[in-house]
Amino acid sequence: MRIGYPCINRSIGCTPSRTFRLASYSDDRLRDTVQANLSCLGSILKHNVPQGMLFLRITSDIVPFGSHPVCTFPWQEHFLDEFQRLGEYIRKYRFRISMHPDQFVLINTPDPDVLKRSIDELLYHARILDLMELDRSAKIQLHVGGVYGNKGASMERFIRVYDGLDEMIRQRLVIENDERLYSAADCRAIHQRTGIPVIFDVFHHSIHNNGEPIKDLILSLSRTWRTADGIPMVDYSTQQPGKRVGAHAEHIDQEDFRKFLAVTKPVDLDLMLEIKDKEKSALAALGIARDDPRLGTGTQDD
């Protein structure tokens, strides 16, 4: 079991998601921005190792406008050595890596233009992970998408589009339940038709569910992951008190997290903490889980 956080470290003084306005694009600006983003990503990885935080969601903004036609700079070739160095470091310390495209990426959309842009964005994400030479356990997670007035037809459209995606996307794509439209049961139904692994989002399930106990769902959804996919990924958070329903917690709810660990044993999981204070809560979670036999060091045997 590895525990981590998404995209940004709030304590090291840099961001791996620097970007700029589309109207101000230039090849020089893109090159300089990507260089800074990759450097910061390396700093985050190095910061995480001694802390034992070995699950990281890499920001989608590593290469601003990486899937947009305006992007004419050959970033894949220019930064190949740097991507490979990052990938070597990730493999050395056995990080689990994921990416999560923005909400505008919708492969069950009935709009052909939105679909094209969505597939282009998924190809961009897959190329990032391929440039790092990461195996297929490095995943790209996605919500099923919209309902568009007919949920059954929208699920069928997702399945049809997924079946036609490039293999470099298919081998990395996973879906997660959301808090409004597609429950864990809906995602499992799509898995049964496609084989796509399902990430269980604990917080979303607490808002939108069919009454299934977490323990039963964890076990059921863990079976959607094949050996090559790595151990199941789970997104964990809780409700921020006093905020709208669905607002993620600012800090980890330590008692709730203890209960979650207890109820999910003995299923091995990699836990992504979608909590706003990022590495602070990840460190607290590692402290709570220190005696959990599922928690590995992540370092090499030699």
C-alpha atoms as a PDB file:
ATOM      1  CA  MET A   1       0.000   0.000   0.000  1.00  0.00           C
ATOM      2  CA  ARG A   2       1.260   3.429  -0.977  1.00  0.00           C
ATOM      3  CA  ILE A   3      -0.242   6.721   0.170  1.00  0.00           C
ATOM      4  CA  GLY A   4       0.028  10.025  -1.660  1.00  0.00           C
ATOM      5  CA  TYR A   5      -1.564  13.231  -2.830  1.00  0.00           C
ATOM      6  CA  PRO A   6      -2.415  15.010  -6.084  1.00  0.00           C
ATOM      7  CA  CYS A   7      -0.308  17.303  -8.236  1.00  0.00           C
ATOM      8  CA  ILE A   8       1.053  20.054  -5.984  1.00  0.00           C
ATOM      9  CA  ASN A   9       3.284  20.076  -2.911  1.00  0.00           C
ATOM     10  CA  ARG A  10       2.489  23.087  -0.751  1.00  0.00           C
ATOM     11  CA  SER A  11       5.763  23.178   1.172  1.00  0.00           C
ATOM     12  CA  ILE A  12       8.651  23.098  -1.320  1.00  0.00           C
ATOM     13  CA  GLY A  13       8.185  26.487  -2.991  1.00  0.00           C
ATOM     14  CA  CYS A  14       7.541  25.549  -6.633  1.00  0.00           C
ATOM     15  CA  THR A  15       4.659  24.404  -8.786  1.00  0.00           C
ATOM     16  CA  PRO A  16       4.765  21.791 -11.587  1.00  0.00           C
ATOM     17  CA  SER A  17       1.679  23.331 -13.206  1.00  0.00           C
ATOM     18  CA  ARG A  18       2.877  26.728 -14.394  1.00  0.00           C
ATOM     19  CA  THR A  19       0.990  27.835 -17.472  1.00  0.00           C
ATOM     20  CA  PHE A  20       0.104  30.929 -19.485  1.00  0.00           C
ATOM     21  CA  ARG A  21      -2.713  32.294 -21.618  1.00  0.00           C
ATOM     22  CA  LEU A  22      -3.294  30.724 -24.997  1.00  0.00           C
ATOM     23  CA  ALA A  23      -3.066  34.157 -26.640  1.00  0.00           C
ATOM     24  CA  SER A  24       0.497  34.584 -25.363  1.00  0.00           C
ATOM     25  CA  TYR A  25       1.776  31.241 -26.699  1.00  0.00           C
ATOM     26  CA  SER A  26       5.254  31.096 -28.166  1.00  0.00           C
ATOM     27  CA  ASP A  27       7.658  28.202 -28.555  1.00  0.00           C
ATOM     28  CA  ASP A  28      10.141  29.913 -26.252  1.00  0.00           C
ATOM     29  CA  ARG A  29       7.530  30.453 -23.560  1.00  0.00           C
ATOM     30  CA  LEU A  30       6.402  26.839 -23.808  1.00  0.00           C
ATOM     31  CA  ARG A  31       9.969  25.519 -23.604  1.00  0.00           C
ATOM     32  CA  ASP A  32      10.789  27.609 -20.540  1.00  0.00           C
ATOM     33  CA  THR A  33       7.523  26.722 -18.801  1.00  0.00           C
ATOM     34  CA  VAL A  34       7.870  22.988 -19.393  1.00  0.00           C
ATOM     35  CA  GLN A  35      11.463  23.100 -18.165  1.00  0.00           C
ATOM     36  CA  ALA A  36      10.334  24.745 -14.918  1.00  0.00           C
ATOM     37  CA  ASN A  37       7.442  22.295 -14.504  1.00  0.00           C
ATOM     38  CA  LEU A  38       9.625  19.225 -15.002  1.00  0.00           C
ATOM     39  CA  SER A  39      12.218  20.580 -12.602  1.00  0.00           C
ATOM     40  CA  CYS A  40       9.553  21.095  -9.942  1.00  0.00           C
ATOM     41  CA  LEU A  41       8.119  17.616 -10.536  1.00  0.00           C
ATOM     42  CA  GLY A  42      11.589  16.222  -9.886  1.00  0.00           C
ATOM     43  CA  SER A  43      11.784  18.228  -6.661  1.00  0.00           C
ATOM     44  CA  ILE A  44       8.430  16.858  -5.499  1.00  0.00           C
ATOM     45  CA  LEU A  45       9.498  13.280  -6.161  1.00  0.00           C
ATOM     46  CA  LYS A  46      12.756  13.786  -4.265  1.00  0.00           C
ATOM     47  CA  HIS A  47      10.913  15.439  -1.378  1.00  0.00           C
ATOM     48  CA  ASN A  48       8.446  12.553  -1.141  1.00  0.00           C
ATOM     49  CA  VAL A  49      10.899   9.651  -0.999  1.00  0.00           C
ATOM     50  CA  PRO A  50      12.323  10.144   2.521  1.00  0.00           C
ATOM     51  CA  GLN A  51       8.810  10.918   3.771  1.00  0.00           C
ATOM     52  CA  GLY A  52       7.457   7.647   2.372  1.00  0.00           C
ATOM     53  CA  MET A  53       4.821   9.357   0.202  1.00  0.00           C
ATOM     54  CA  LEU A  54       5.084   7.091  -2.834  1.00  0.00           C
ATOM     55  CA  PHE A  55       1.828   7.700  -4.678  1.00  0.00           C
ATOM     56  CA  LEU A  56       1.694  10.867  -6.786  1.00  0.00           C
ATOM     57  CA  ARG A  57      -0.848  12.205  -9.240  1.00  0.00           C
ATOM     58  CA  ILE A  58       1.067  14.170 -11.841  1.00  0.00           C
ATOM     59  CA  THR A  59      -0.545  17.408 -12.939  1.00  0.00           C
ATOM     60  CA  SER A  60      -2.061  17.587 -16.410  1.00  0.00           C
ATOM     61  CA  ASP A  61      -0.379  20.977 -16.895  1.00  0.00           C
ATOM     62  CA  ILE A  62       3.196  19.681 -17.217  1.00  0.00           C
ATOM     63  CA  VAL A  63       3.041  20.776 -20.867  1.00  0.00           C
ATOM     64  CA  PRO A  64       0.617  23.706 -21.256  1.00  0.00           C
ATOM     65  CA  PHE A  65      -1.586  23.270 -24.334  1.00  0.00           C
ATOM     66  CA  GLY A  66       0.162  19.950 -24.971  1.00  0.00           C
ATOM     67  CA  SER A  67      -2.821  18.609 -26.920  1.00  0.00           C
ATOM     68  CA  HIS A  68      -3.774  21.898 -28.589  1.00  0.00           C
ATOM     69  CA  PRO A  69      -2.991  22.666 -32.257  1.00  0.00           C
ATOM     70  CA  VAL A  70      -1.238  25.877 -31.163  1.00  0.00           C
ATOM     71  CA  CYS A  71       1.518  23.810 -29.568  1.00  0.00           C
ATOM     72  CA  THR A  72       4.176  23.634 -32.292  1.00  0.00           C
ATOM     73  CA  PHE A  73       7.254  23.151 -30.107  1.00  0.00           C
ATOM     74  CA  PRO A  74       8.640  19.562 -30.351  1.00  0.00           C
ATOM     75  CA  TRP A  75       8.441  19.038 -26.578  1.00  0.00           C
ATOM     76  CA  GLN A  76       8.470  15.255 -26.739  1.00  0.00           C
ATOM     77  CA  GLU A  77      11.852  15.186 -28.469  1.00  0.00           C
ATOM     78  CA  HIS A  78      13.329  18.197 -26.678  1.00  0.00           C
ATOM     79  CA  PHE A  79      12.567  16.913 -23.171  1.00  0.00           C
ATOM     80  CA  LEU A  80      12.948  13.181 -23.845  1.00  0.00           C
ATOM     81  CA  ASP A  81      16.068  12.794 -21.682  1.00  0.00           C
ATOM     82  CA  GLU A  82      14.435  14.640 -18.798  1.00  0.00           C
ATOM     83  CA  PHE A  83      11.248  12.583 -18.981  1.00  0.00           C
ATOM     84  CA  GLN A  84      13.359   9.424 -18.995  1.00  0.00           C
ATOM     85  CA  ARG A  85      15.349  10.576 -15.950  1.00  0.00           C
ATOM     86  CA  LEU A  86      12.131  11.228 -14.072  1.00  0.00           C
ATOM     87  CA  GLY A  87      10.814   7.821 -15.076  1.00  0.00           C
ATOM     88  CA  GLU A  88      14.006   6.150 -13.903  1.00  0.00           C
ATOM     89  CA  TYR A  89      13.654   7.836 -10.506  1.00  0.00           C
ATOM     90  CA  ILE A  90       9.986   6.818 -10.291  1.00  0.00           C
ATOM     91  CA  ARG A  91      10.862   3.193 -11.036  1.00  0.00           C
ATOM     92  CA  LYS A  92      13.828   3.175  -8.654  1.00  0.00           C
ATOM     93  CA  TYR A  93      11.689   4.147  -5.677  1.00  0.00           C
ATOM     94  CA  ARG A  94       8.595   2.284  -6.845  1.00  0.00           C
ATOM     95  CA  PHE A  95       6.295   5.259  -6.973  1.00  0.00           C
ATOM     96  CA  ARG A  96       2.730   4.714  -8.093  1.00  0.00           C
ATOM     97  CA  ILE A  97       1.819   7.353 -10.642  1.00  0.00           C
ATOM     98  CA  SER A  98      -1.523   8.541 -11.966  1.00  0.00           C
ATOM     99  CA  MET A  99      -2.921  11.435 -13.994  1.00  0.00           C
ATOM    100  CA  HIS A 100      -6.436  12.888 -14.042  1.00  0.00           C
ATOM    101  CA  PRO A 101      -7.519  14.947 -17.077  1.00  0.00           C
ATOM    102  CA  ASP A 102      -9.788  17.921 -16.500  1.00  0.00           C
ATOM    103  CA  GLN A 103     -13.574  17.679 -16.484  1.00  0.00           C
ATOM    104  CA  PHE A 104     -13.880  18.810 -20.115  1.00  0.00           C
ATOM    105  CA  VAL A 105     -12.479  15.424 -21.227  1.00  0.00           C
ATOM    106  CA  LEU A 106     -15.646  13.492 -22.079  1.00  0.00           C
ATOM    107  CA  ILE A 107     -15.542  10.380 -24.209  1.00  0.00           C
ATOM    108  CA  ASN A 108     -19.279   9.735 -23.949  1.00  0.00           C
ATOM    109  CA  THR A 109     -20.168  13.145 -25.376  1.00  0.00           C
ATOM    110  CA  PRO A 110     -22.508  13.198 -28.386  1.00  0.00           C
ATOM    111  CA  ASP A 111     -20.583  16.238 -29.724  1.00  0.00           C
ATOM    112  CA  PRO A 112     -17.940  15.084 -32.249  1.00  0.00           C
ATOM    113  CA  ASP A 113     -15.752  18.161 -31.713  1.00  0.00           C
ATOM    114  CA  VAL A 114     -15.684  17.683 -27.941  1.00  0.00           C
ATOM    115  CA  LEU A 115     -14.936  13.996 -28.484  1.00  0.00           C
ATOM    116  CA  LYS A 116     -11.976  14.757 -30.757  1.00  0.00           C
ATOM    117  CA  ARG A 117     -10.505  17.224 -28.261  1.00  0.00           C
ATOM    118  CA  SER A 118     -11.043  14.707 -25.457  1.00  0.00           C
ATOM    119  CA  ILE A 119      -9.235  11.925 -27.304  1.00  0.00           C
ATOM    120  CA  ASP A 120      -6.389  14.309 -28.184  1.00  0.00           C
ATOM    121  CA  GLU A 121      -6.076  15.166 -24.494  1.00  0.00           C
ATOM    122  CA  LEU A 122      -6.003  11.496 -23.497  1.00  0.00           C
ATOM    123  CA  LEU A 123      -3.268  10.873 -26.087  1.00  0.00           C
ATOM    124  CA  TYR A 124      -1.269  13.727 -24.552  1.00  0.00           C
ATOM    125  CA  HIS A 125      -1.565  12.176 -21.078  1.00  0.00           C
ATOM    126  CA  ALA A 126      -0.596   8.740 -22.382  1.00  0.00           C
ATOM    127  CA  ARG A 127       2.454  10.206 -24.130  1.00  0.00           C
ATOM    128  CA  ILE A 128       3.643  11.810 -20.870  1.00  0.00           C
ATOM    129  CA  LEU A 129       3.575   8.425 -19.130  1.00  0.00           C
ATOM    130  CA  ASP A 130       5.081   6.644 -22.142  1.00  0.00           C
ATOM    131  CA  LEU A 131       7.951   9.168 -22.332  1.00  0.00           C
ATOM    132  CA  MET A 132       8.758   8.290 -18.717  1.00  0.00           C
ATOM    133  CA  GLU A 133       8.741   4.608 -19.760  1.00  0.00           C
ATOM    134  CA  LEU A 134       6.317   3.716 -16.996  1.00  0.00           C
ATOM    135  CA  ASP A 135       4.490   0.404 -17.116  1.00  0.00           C
ATOM    136  CA  ARG A 136       0.722   0.116 -17.439  1.00  0.00           C
ATOM    137  CA  SER A 137       0.197   0.450 -13.673  1.00  0.00           C
ATOM    138  CA  ALA A 138       0.614   4.215 -14.238  1.00  0.00           C
ATOM    139  CA  LYS A 139      -2.990   5.156 -14.897  1.00  0.00           C
ATOM    140  CA  ILE A 140      -5.101   7.912 -16.411  1.00  0.00           C
ATOM    141  CA  GLN A 141      -8.339   8.233 -14.464  1.00  0.00           C
ATOM    142  CA  LEU A 142     -11.544   9.581 -15.897  1.00  0.00           C
ATOM    143  CA  HIS A 143     -15.166  10.084 -14.927  1.00  0.00           C
ATOM    144  CA  VAL A 144     -17.674   8.312 -17.134  1.00  0.00           C
ATOM    145  CA  GLY A 145     -19.030  11.706 -18.230  1.00  0.00           C
ATOM    146  CA  GLY A 146     -22.457  13.227 -18.745  1.00  0.00           C
ATOM    147  CA  VAL A 147     -25.905  11.690 -18.944  1.00  0.00           C
ATOM    148  CA  TYR A 148     -27.144  13.832 -21.880  1.00  0.00           C
ATOM    149  CA  GLY A 149     -30.787  12.978 -21.210  1.00  0.00           C
ATOM    150  CA  ASN A 150     -30.350   9.205 -21.494  1.00  0.00           C
ATOM    151  CA  LYS A 151     -28.025   7.465 -19.066  1.00  0.00           C
ATOM    152  CA  GLY A 152     -28.223   4.054 -20.722  1.00  0.00           C
ATOM    153  CA  ALA A 153     -27.397   5.472 -24.147  1.00  0.00           C
ATOM    154  CA  SER A 154     -24.548   7.512 -22.659  1.00  0.00           C
ATOM    155  CA  MET A 155     -23.048   4.406 -21.053  1.00  0.00           C
ATOM    156  CA  GLU A 156     -23.325   2.572 -24.359  1.00  0.00           C
ATOM    157  CA  ARG A 157     -21.618   5.481 -26.116  1.00  0.00           C
ATOM    158  CA  PHE A 158     -18.781   5.384 -23.560  1.00  0.00           C
ATOM    159  CA  ILE A 159     -18.303   1.667 -24.215  1.00  0.00           C
ATOM    160  CA  ARG A 160     -18.332   2.110 -27.993  1.00  0.00           C
ATOM    161  CA  VAL A 161     -15.805   4.958 -27.930  1.00  0.00           C
ATOM    162  CA  TYR A 162     -13.581   3.180 -25.398  1.00  0.00           C
ATOM    163  CA  ASP A 163     -13.453   0.075 -27.593  1.00  0.00           C
ATOM    164  CA  GLY A 164     -12.164   2.207 -30.483  1.00  0.00           C
ATOM    165  CA  LEU A 165      -9.466   4.118 -28.574  1.00  0.00           C
ATOM    166  CA  ASP A 166      -5.787   3.721 -29.356  1.00  0.00           C
ATOM    167  CA  GLU A 167      -4.194   0.957 -27.307  1.00  0.00           C
ATOM    168  CA  MET A 168      -1.776   3.425 -25.695  1.00  0.00           C
ATOM    169  CA  ILE A 169      -4.830   5.023 -24.058  1.00  0.00           C
ATOM    170  CA  ARG A 170      -6.787   1.849 -23.366  1.00  0.00           C
ATOM    171  CA  GLN A 171      -3.968   0.203 -21.425  1.00  0.00           C
ATOM    172  CA  ARG A 172      -3.835   3.163 -19.022  1.00  0.00           C
ATOM    173  CA  LEU A 173      -7.432   4.362 -18.748  1.00  0.00           C
ATOM    174  CA  VAL A 174      -9.464   3.717 -15.594  1.00  0.00           C
ATOM    175  CA  ILE A 175     -12.830   5.110 -14.492  1.00  0.00           C
ATOM    176  CA  GLU A 176     -14.090   6.338 -11.145  1.00  0.00           C
ATOM    177  CA  ASN A 177     -17.516   6.798  -9.623  1.00  0.00           C
ATOM    178  CA  ASP A 178     -18.688  10.382  -9.243  1.00  0.00           C
ATOM    179  CA  GLU A 179     -20.884  12.189  -6.727  1.00  0.00           C
ATOM    180  CA  ARG A 180     -23.895  12.868  -8.991  1.00  0.00           C
ATOM    181  CA  LEU A 181     -24.308  10.753 -12.089  1.00  0.00           C
ATOM    182  CA  TYR A 182     -22.399   7.478 -12.206  1.00  0.00           C
ATOM    183  CA  SER A 183     -22.199   5.313  -9.105  1.00  0.00           C
ATOM    184  CA  ALA A 184     -19.684   2.588  -8.353  1.00  0.00           C
ATOM    185  CA  ALA A 185     -22.274   0.079  -9.566  1.00  0.00           C
ATOM    186  CA  ASP A 186     -22.553   1.926 -12.893  1.00  0.00           C
ATOM    187  CA  CYS A 187     -18.768   1.856 -13.279  1.00  0.00           C
ATOM    188  CA  ARG A 188     -18.691  -1.845 -12.500  1.00  0.00           C
ATOM    189  CA  ALA A 189     -21.326  -2.430 -15.182  1.00  0.00           C
ATOM    190  CA  ILE A 190     -19.097  -0.647 -17.706  1.00  0.00           C
ATOM    191  CA  HIS A 191     -16.140  -2.752 -16.546  1.00  0.00           C
ATOM    192  CA  GLN A 192     -18.116  -5.916 -17.243  1.00  0.00           C
ATOM    193  CA  ARG A 193     -18.474  -4.818 -20.860  1.00  0.00           C
ATOM    194  CA  THR A 194     -14.983  -3.405 -21.396  1.00  0.00           C
ATOM    195  CA  GLY A 195     -12.569  -4.794 -18.794  1.00  0.00           C
ATOM    196  CA  ILE A 196     -11.647  -1.244 -17.745  1.00  0.00           C
ATOM    197  CA  PRO A 197     -10.486  -1.086 -14.095  1.00  0.00           C
ATOM    198  CA  VAL A 198     -12.547   0.939 -11.636  1.00  0.00           C
ATOM    199  CA  ILE A 199     -11.084   3.374  -9.100  1.00  0.00           C
ATOM    200  CA  PHE A 200     -13.261   3.554  -6.012  1.00  0.00           C
ATOM    201  CA  ASP A 201     -13.776   7.127  -4.819  1.00  0.00           C
ATOM    202  CA  VAL A 202     -14.768   6.833  -1.158  1.00  0.00           C
ATOM    203  CA  PHE A 203     -16.036  10.401  -0.798  1.00  0.00           C
ATOM    204  CA  HIS A 204     -18.116  10.283  -3.971  1.00  0.00           C
ATOM    205  CA  HIS A 205     -19.637   6.997  -2.811  1.00  0.00           C
ATOM    206  CA  SER A 206     -20.664   8.603   0.475  1.00  0.00           C
ATOM    207  CA  ILE A 207     -22.753  11.092  -1.549  1.00  0.00           C
ATOM    208  CA  HIS A 208     -24.024   8.933  -4.431  1.00  0.00           C
ATOM    209  CA  ASN A 209     -24.507   5.216  -3.877  1.00  0.00           C
ATOM    210  CA  ASN A 210     -26.885   2.285  -3.954  1.00  0.00           C
ATOM    211  CA  GLY A 211     -26.520   1.439  -0.293  1.00  0.00           C
ATOM    212  CA  GLU A 212     -23.507  -0.841  -0.744  1.00  0.00           C
ATOM    213  CA  PRO A 213     -21.137  -1.162   2.243  1.00  0.00           C
ATOM    214  CA  ILE A 214     -17.609   0.071   1.537  1.00  0.00           C
ATOM    215  CA  LYS A 215     -16.092  -3.272   2.530  1.00  0.00           C
ATOM    216  CA  ASP A 216     -18.125  -5.136  -0.092  1.00  0.00           C
ATOM    217  CA  LEU A 217     -17.420  -2.568  -2.818  1.00  0.00           C
ATOM    218  CA  ILE A 218     -13.682  -2.470  -2.152  1.00  0.00           C
ATOM    219  CA  LEU A 219     -13.499  -6.221  -2.576  1.00  0.00           C
ATOM    220  CA  SER A 220     -15.719  -6.240  -5.665  1.00  0.00           C
ATOM    221  CA  LEU A 221     -13.950  -3.365  -7.426  1.00  0.00           C
ATOM    222  CA  SER A 222     -10.491  -4.698  -6.586  1.00  0.00           C
ATOM    223  CA  ARG A 223     -11.327  -7.617  -8.869  1.00  0.00           C
ATOM    224  CA  THR A 224     -11.626  -5.247 -11.836  1.00  0.00           C
ATOM    225  CA  TRP A 225      -7.828  -4.744 -11.715  1.00  0.00           C
ATOM    226  CA  ARG A 226      -5.598  -7.253 -13.489  1.00  0.00           C
ATOM    227  CA  THR A 227      -2.047  -7.982 -12.422  1.00  0.00           C
ATOM    228  CA  ALA A 228      -0.549  -5.723 -15.099  1.00  0.00           C
ATOM    229  CA  ASP A 229      -2.744  -2.846 -13.895  1.00  0.00           C
ATOM    230  CA  GLY A 230      -1.095  -2.860 -10.464  1.00  0.00           C
ATOM    231  CA  ILE A 231      -2.929  -3.029  -7.174  1.00  0.00           C
ATOM    232  CA  PRO A 232      -6.242  -1.126  -7.049  1.00  0.00           C
ATOM    233  CA  MET A 233      -6.196   2.641  -6.662  1.00  0.00           C
ATOM    234  CA  VAL A 234      -8.623   4.292  -4.266  1.00  0.00           C
ATOM    235  CA  ASP A 235      -9.400   8.012  -3.885  1.00  0.00           C
ATOM    236  CA  TYR A 236     -10.028   9.009  -0.275  1.00  0.00           C
ATOM    237  CA  SER A 237     -11.426  12.192   1.231  1.00  0.00           C
ATOM    238  CA  THR A 238     -14.267  13.382   3.462  1.00  0.00           C
ATOM    239  CA  GLN A 239     -16.724  16.255   3.549  1.00  0.00           C
ATOM    240  CA  GLN A 240     -15.450  19.670   4.655  1.00  0.00           C
ATOM    241  CA  PRO A 241     -17.735  20.757   7.522  1.00  0.00           C
ATOM    242  CA  GLY A 242     -19.842  23.817   6.809  1.00  0.00           C
ATOM    243  CA  LYS A 243     -19.270  23.722   3.047  1.00  0.00           C
ATOM    244  CA  ARG A 244     -21.497  22.630   0.171  1.00  0.00           C
ATOM    245  CA  VAL A 245     -22.051  18.906  -0.210  1.00  0.00           C
ATOM    246  CA  GLY A 246     -19.121  17.532  -2.171  1.00  0.00           C
ATOM    247  CA  ALA A 247     -16.506  19.989  -0.896  1.00  0.00           C
ATOM    248  CA  HIS A 248     -13.335  18.100  -0.044  1.00  0.00           C
ATOM    249  CA  ALA A 249     -11.924  18.335   3.455  1.00  0.00           C
ATOM    250  CA  GLU A 250      -9.129  20.779   4.215  1.00  0.00           C
ATOM    251  CA  HIS A 251      -7.463  18.325   6.630  1.00  0.00           C
ATOM    252  CA  ILE A 252      -7.642  14.574   7.069  1.00  0.00           C
ATOM    253  CA  ASP A 253     -10.342  13.279   9.411  1.00  0.00           C
ATOM    254  CA  GLN A 254      -8.077  10.976  11.391  1.00  0.00           C
ATOM    255  CA  GLU A 255     -10.843   8.961  13.035  1.00  0.00           C
ATOM    256  CA  ASP A 256     -12.629   8.381   9.733  1.00  0.00           C
ATOM    257  CA  PHE A 257      -9.351   7.336   8.111  1.00  0.00           C
ATOM    258  CA  ARG A 258      -8.683   4.818  10.886  1.00  0.00           C
ATOM    259  CA  LYS A 259     -12.132   3.334  10.317  1.00  0.00           C
ATOM    260  CA  PHE A 260     -11.510   3.211   6.565  1.00  0.00           C
ATOM    261  CA  LEU A 261      -8.246   1.305   7.028  1.00  0.00           C
ATOM    262  CA  ALA A 262      -9.941  -1.141   9.378  1.00  0.00           C
ATOM    263  CA  VAL A 263     -12.907  -1.834   7.136  1.00  0.00           C
ATOM    264  CA  THR A 264     -10.823  -2.348   3.978  1.00  0.00           C
ATOM    265  CA  LYS A 265      -8.456  -4.973   5.385  1.00  0.00           C
ATOM    266  CA  PRO A 266      -7.030  -7.176   3.986  1.00  0.00           C
ATOM    267  CA  VAL A 267      -7.421  -5.750   0.448  1.00  0.00           C
ATOM    268  CA  ASP A 268      -4.192  -4.123  -0.721  1.00  0.00           C
ATOM    269  CA  LEU A 269      -4.727  -0.609  -2.064  1.00  0.00           C
ATOM    270  CA  ASP A 270      -2.858   2.486  -3.201  1.00  0.00           C
ATOM    271  CA  LEU A 271      -4.525   5.486  -1.576  1.00  0.00           C
ATOM    272  CA  MET A 272      -4.761   8.914  -3.192  1.00  0.00           C
ATOM    273  CA  LEU A 273      -5.771  11.493  -0.578  1.00  0.00           C
ATOM    274  CA  GLU A 274      -7.851  14.157  -2.310  1.00  0.00           C
ATOM    275  CA  ILE A 275      -7.500  16.486   0.673  1.00  0.00           C
ATOM    276  CA  LYS A 276      -6.702  20.152   0.270  1.00  0.00           C
ATOM    277  CA  ASP A 277      -3.609  20.360   2.460  1.00  0.00           C
ATOM    278  CA  LYS A 278      -1.930  17.754   0.246  1.00  0.00           C
ATOM    279  CA  GLU A 279       1.315  16.382   1.730  1.00  0.00           C
ATOM    280  CA  LYS A 280       0.391  17.408   5.280  1.00  0.00           C
ATOM    281  CA  SER A 281      -2.540  14.998   5.339  1.00  0.00           C
ATOM    282  CA  ALA A 282      -0.548  12.358   3.456  1.00  0.00           C
ATOM    283  CA  LEU A 283       2.078  12.427   6.214  1.00  0.00           C
ATOM    284  CA  ALA A 284      -0.639  12.203   8.870  1.00  0.00           C
ATOM    285  CA  ALA A 285      -2.173   9.229   7.048  1.00  0.00           C
ATOM    286  CA  LEU A 286       1.193   7.467   6.914  1.00  0.00           C
ATOM    287  CA  GLY A 287       1.501   7.944  10.650  1.00  0.00           C
ATOM    288  CA  ILE A 288      -1.943   6.467  11.249  1.00  0.00           C
ATOM    289  CA  ALA A 289      -1.209   3.528   8.931  1.00  0.00           C
ATOM    290  CA  ARG A 290       2.315   2.840  10.227  1.00  0.00           C
ATOM    291  CA  ASP A 291       1.294  -0.484  11.786  1.00  0.00           C
ATOM    292  CA  ASP A 292      -0.881  -1.589   8.878  1.00  0.00           C
ATOM    293  CA  PRO A 293       0.801  -4.650   7.328  1.00  0.00           C
ATOM    294  CA  ARG A 294      -0.221  -3.462   3.852  1.00  0.00           C
ATOM    295  CA  LEU A 295       2.038  -0.405   4.110  1.00  0.00           C
ATOM    296  CA  GLY A 296       5.317  -1.081   2.299  1.00  0.00           C
ATOM    297  CA  THR A 297       8.478   0.994   2.246  1.00  0.00           C
ATOM    298  CA  GLY A 298       8.468   1.353  -1.538  1.00  0.00           C
ATOM    299  CA  THR A 299      12.306   1.223  -1.610  1.00  0.00           C
ATOM    300  CA  GLN A 300      14.337  -1.286  -3.544  1.00  0.00           C
ATOM    301  CA  ASP A 301      15.364  -4.615  -2.066  1.00  0.00           C
ATOM    302  CA  ASP A 302      18.994  -3.869  -2.802  1.00  0.00           C
END
